[in-house]
């Protein structure tokens, strides 16, 4: 029980990855891909359009980081 509490705390602090990293990362990747698809493209210059461009760029950067953290299949 103490081990589980310690592991949960370390995961919460970001010091160790959770045991089920692959499903969590793939779920986050799908959510970010959906978010990127829903951000509208800019038709004309405006502050709102600039914010949408920034939001999309940040989401794409987060997506790239998550894909880099995804476990690779093991070679035989």
N, C-alpha and C. Protein backbone atom coordinates (compact mmCIF):
# COMPACT_ATOMS: atom_id res chain seq x y z
N UNK A 1 0.82 -1.18 0.00
CA UNK A 1 0.00 0.00 0.00
C UNK A 1 0.87 1.25 0.00
N UNK A 2 1.93 1.25 0.77
CA UNK A 2 2.82 2.40 0.81
C UNK A 2 3.49 2.59 -0.54
N UNK A 3 3.85 1.48 -1.18
CA UNK A 3 4.47 1.57 -2.51
C UNK A 3 3.53 2.24 -3.51
N UNK A 4 2.24 1.88 -3.48
CA UNK A 4 1.25 2.47 -4.38
C UNK A 4 1.09 3.96 -4.12
N UNK A 5 1.04 4.36 -2.87
CA UNK A 5 0.91 5.78 -2.52
C UNK A 5 2.13 6.55 -3.00
N UNK A 6 3.32 6.01 -2.77
CA UNK A 6 4.55 6.65 -3.20
C UNK A 6 4.60 6.76 -4.73
N UNK A 7 4.23 5.68 -5.41
CA UNK A 7 4.24 5.71 -6.87
C UNK A 7 3.26 6.73 -7.40
N UNK A 8 2.05 6.80 -6.83
CA UNK A 8 1.06 7.79 -7.26
C UNK A 8 1.58 9.21 -7.08
N UNK A 9 2.25 9.46 -5.97
CA UNK A 9 2.78 10.80 -5.70
C UNK A 9 3.90 11.15 -6.67
N UNK A 10 4.78 10.20 -6.96
CA UNK A 10 5.87 10.45 -7.90
C UNK A 10 5.34 10.68 -9.31
N UNK A 11 4.30 9.95 -9.69
CA UNK A 11 3.68 10.16 -11.00
C UNK A 11 3.04 11.53 -11.04
N UNK A 12 2.35 11.91 -9.96
CA UNK A 12 1.69 13.21 -9.90
C UNK A 12 2.70 14.35 -10.00
N UNK A 13 3.86 14.19 -9.40
CA UNK A 13 4.90 15.21 -9.44
C UNK A 13 5.64 15.21 -10.78
N UNK A 14 5.43 14.19 -11.59
CA UNK A 14 6.08 14.10 -12.89
C UNK A 14 7.48 13.53 -12.82
N UNK A 15 7.84 12.92 -11.71
CA UNK A 15 9.18 12.38 -11.55
C UNK A 15 9.33 11.01 -12.20
N UNK A 16 8.24 10.27 -12.33
CA UNK A 16 8.27 8.99 -13.03
C UNK A 16 7.04 8.92 -13.93
N UNK A 17 7.14 8.22 -15.05
CA UNK A 17 5.97 8.07 -15.91
C UNK A 17 4.99 7.06 -15.31
N UNK A 18 3.71 7.22 -15.59
CA UNK A 18 2.75 6.24 -15.09
C UNK A 18 2.98 4.86 -15.71
N UNK A 19 2.48 3.84 -15.03
CA UNK A 19 2.69 2.46 -15.50
C UNK A 19 2.02 2.22 -16.84
N UNK A 20 0.90 2.84 -17.07
CA UNK A 20 0.17 2.65 -18.33
C UNK A 20 0.38 3.86 -19.23
N UNK A 21 1.63 4.14 -19.58
CA UNK A 21 1.99 5.32 -20.35
C UNK A 21 1.40 5.27 -21.76
N UNK A 22 1.50 4.14 -22.43
CA UNK A 22 1.07 4.06 -23.83
C UNK A 22 -0.41 4.41 -24.01
N UNK A 23 -1.34 3.84 -23.26
CA UNK A 23 -2.73 4.23 -23.45
C UNK A 23 -2.98 5.70 -23.11
N UNK A 24 -2.33 6.20 -22.08
CA UNK A 24 -2.53 7.59 -21.69
C UNK A 24 -2.02 8.53 -22.77
N UNK A 25 -0.85 8.24 -23.32
CA UNK A 25 -0.28 9.10 -24.35
C UNK A 25 -1.12 9.03 -25.62
N UNK A 26 -1.57 7.85 -26.01
CA UNK A 26 -2.36 7.75 -27.24
C UNK A 26 -3.69 8.48 -27.08
N UNK A 27 -4.25 8.46 -25.89
CA UNK A 27 -5.49 9.20 -25.64
C UNK A 27 -5.23 10.70 -25.74
N UNK A 28 -4.12 11.17 -25.18
CA UNK A 28 -3.77 12.58 -25.26
C UNK A 28 -3.49 13.00 -26.70
N UNK A 29 -2.85 12.13 -27.46
CA UNK A 29 -2.56 12.43 -28.87
C UNK A 29 -3.86 12.59 -29.64
N UNK A 30 -4.81 11.67 -29.43
CA UNK A 30 -6.09 11.78 -30.12
C UNK A 30 -6.82 13.06 -29.74
N UNK A 31 -6.77 13.44 -28.47
CA UNK A 31 -7.43 14.66 -28.02
C UNK A 31 -6.80 15.89 -28.66
N UNK A 32 -5.47 15.91 -28.74
CA UNK A 32 -4.81 17.06 -29.37
C UNK A 32 -5.08 17.13 -30.86
N UNK A 33 -5.12 15.98 -31.53
CA UNK A 33 -5.44 15.98 -32.96
C UNK A 33 -6.85 16.51 -33.20
N UNK A 34 -7.78 16.14 -32.33
CA UNK A 34 -9.14 16.67 -32.44
C UNK A 34 -9.17 18.18 -32.19
N UNK A 35 -8.40 18.63 -31.20
CA UNK A 35 -8.34 20.05 -30.87
C UNK A 35 -7.77 20.84 -32.04
N UNK A 36 -6.71 20.33 -32.66
CA UNK A 36 -6.08 21.02 -33.80
C UNK A 36 -7.07 21.11 -34.96
N UNK A 37 -7.84 20.05 -35.17
CA UNK A 37 -8.80 20.04 -36.27
C UNK A 37 -9.93 21.05 -36.05
N UNK A 38 -10.26 21.35 -34.80
CA UNK A 38 -11.37 22.26 -34.53
C UNK A 38 -10.96 23.73 -34.49
N UNK A 39 -9.67 24.03 -34.46
CA UNK A 39 -9.23 25.43 -34.44
C UNK A 39 -9.39 25.99 -35.85
N UNK A 40 -10.18 27.07 -35.99
CA UNK A 40 -10.43 27.61 -37.34
C UNK A 40 -9.20 28.30 -37.91
N UNK A 41 -9.07 28.26 -39.24
CA UNK A 41 -8.00 28.96 -39.93
C UNK A 41 -8.37 30.43 -40.06
N UNK A 42 -7.36 31.28 -40.20
CA UNK A 42 -7.59 32.72 -40.30
C UNK A 42 -8.00 33.10 -41.71
N UNK A 43 -9.12 33.83 -41.82
CA UNK A 43 -9.56 34.35 -43.11
C UNK A 43 -8.94 35.71 -43.38
N UNK A 44 -8.91 36.54 -42.36
CA UNK A 44 -8.34 37.87 -42.49
C UNK A 44 -7.60 38.20 -41.20
N UNK A 45 -6.66 39.14 -41.26
CA UNK A 45 -5.90 39.47 -40.05
C UNK A 45 -6.78 40.09 -38.96
N UNK A 46 -6.67 39.56 -37.78
CA UNK A 46 -7.37 40.11 -36.62
C UNK A 46 -6.71 39.54 -35.38
N UNK A 47 -6.92 40.17 -34.22
CA UNK A 47 -6.33 39.64 -33.00
C UNK A 47 -6.82 38.22 -32.69
N UNK A 48 -8.08 37.94 -32.96
CA UNK A 48 -8.62 36.60 -32.70
C UNK A 48 -7.97 35.57 -33.62
N UNK A 49 -7.75 35.94 -34.88
CA UNK A 49 -7.11 35.03 -35.83
C UNK A 49 -5.67 34.74 -35.40
N UNK A 50 -4.98 35.77 -34.90
CA UNK A 50 -3.61 35.58 -34.43
C UNK A 50 -3.58 34.64 -33.22
N UNK A 51 -4.54 34.79 -32.33
CA UNK A 51 -4.61 33.90 -31.16
C UNK A 51 -4.89 32.47 -31.60
N UNK A 52 -5.74 32.28 -32.61
CA UNK A 52 -6.02 30.94 -33.12
C UNK A 52 -4.77 30.31 -33.73
N UNK A 53 -3.98 31.12 -34.45
CA UNK A 53 -2.74 30.62 -35.03
C UNK A 53 -1.79 30.18 -33.91
N UNK A 54 -1.72 31.00 -32.84
CA UNK A 54 -0.84 30.66 -31.72
C UNK A 54 -1.33 29.40 -31.01
N UNK A 55 -2.64 29.30 -30.78
CA UNK A 55 -3.19 28.11 -30.12
C UNK A 55 -2.90 26.85 -30.94
N UNK A 56 -3.06 26.97 -32.26
CA UNK A 56 -2.81 25.82 -33.13
C UNK A 56 -1.34 25.42 -33.10
N UNK A 57 -0.45 26.41 -33.12
CA UNK A 57 0.99 26.12 -33.07
C UNK A 57 1.37 25.46 -31.75
N UNK A 58 0.82 25.95 -30.65
CA UNK A 58 1.10 25.34 -29.35
C UNK A 58 0.58 23.91 -29.28
N UNK A 59 -0.61 23.68 -29.81
CA UNK A 59 -1.17 22.33 -29.81
C UNK A 59 -0.33 21.39 -30.69
N UNK A 60 0.13 21.88 -31.84
CA UNK A 60 0.98 21.06 -32.70
C UNK A 60 2.32 20.75 -32.04
N UNK A 61 2.86 21.72 -31.29
CA UNK A 61 4.11 21.49 -30.56
C UNK A 61 3.89 20.44 -29.47
N UNK A 62 2.80 20.54 -28.73
CA UNK A 62 2.49 19.54 -27.70
C UNK A 62 2.30 18.16 -28.31
N UNK A 63 1.67 18.12 -29.48
CA UNK A 63 1.46 16.86 -30.18
C UNK A 63 2.79 16.23 -30.57
N UNK A 64 3.71 17.04 -31.09
CA UNK A 64 5.02 16.53 -31.47
C UNK A 64 5.77 16.00 -30.25
N UNK A 65 5.66 16.71 -29.13
CA UNK A 65 6.32 16.25 -27.90
C UNK A 65 5.72 14.93 -27.42
N UNK A 66 4.42 14.79 -27.49
CA UNK A 66 3.78 13.54 -27.06
C UNK A 66 4.17 12.38 -27.97
N UNK A 67 4.23 12.63 -29.26
CA UNK A 67 4.60 11.56 -30.18
C UNK A 67 6.04 11.13 -29.94
N UNK A 68 6.89 12.06 -29.48
CA UNK A 68 8.27 11.72 -29.16
C UNK A 68 8.37 10.88 -27.90
N UNK A 69 7.42 11.03 -26.98
CA UNK A 69 7.42 10.27 -25.73
C UNK A 69 6.77 8.90 -25.87
N UNK A 70 6.09 8.68 -26.99
CA UNK A 70 5.38 7.42 -27.19
C UNK A 70 6.37 6.26 -27.25
N UNK A 71 6.10 5.18 -26.53
CA UNK A 71 7.03 4.04 -26.58
C UNK A 71 7.07 3.41 -27.97
N UNK A 72 8.27 3.05 -28.38
CA UNK A 72 8.44 2.43 -29.69
C UNK A 72 8.29 0.92 -29.56
N UNK A 73 7.80 0.28 -30.60
CA UNK A 73 7.72 -1.18 -30.55
C UNK A 73 9.12 -1.79 -30.43
N UNK A 74 9.22 -2.85 -29.64
CA UNK A 74 10.51 -3.48 -29.44
C UNK A 74 10.88 -4.35 -30.64
N UNK A 75 12.15 -4.29 -30.99
CA UNK A 75 12.63 -5.10 -32.11
C UNK A 75 12.87 -6.52 -31.64
N UNK A 76 12.69 -7.44 -32.54
CA UNK A 76 12.89 -8.85 -32.20
C UNK A 76 14.30 -9.27 -32.44
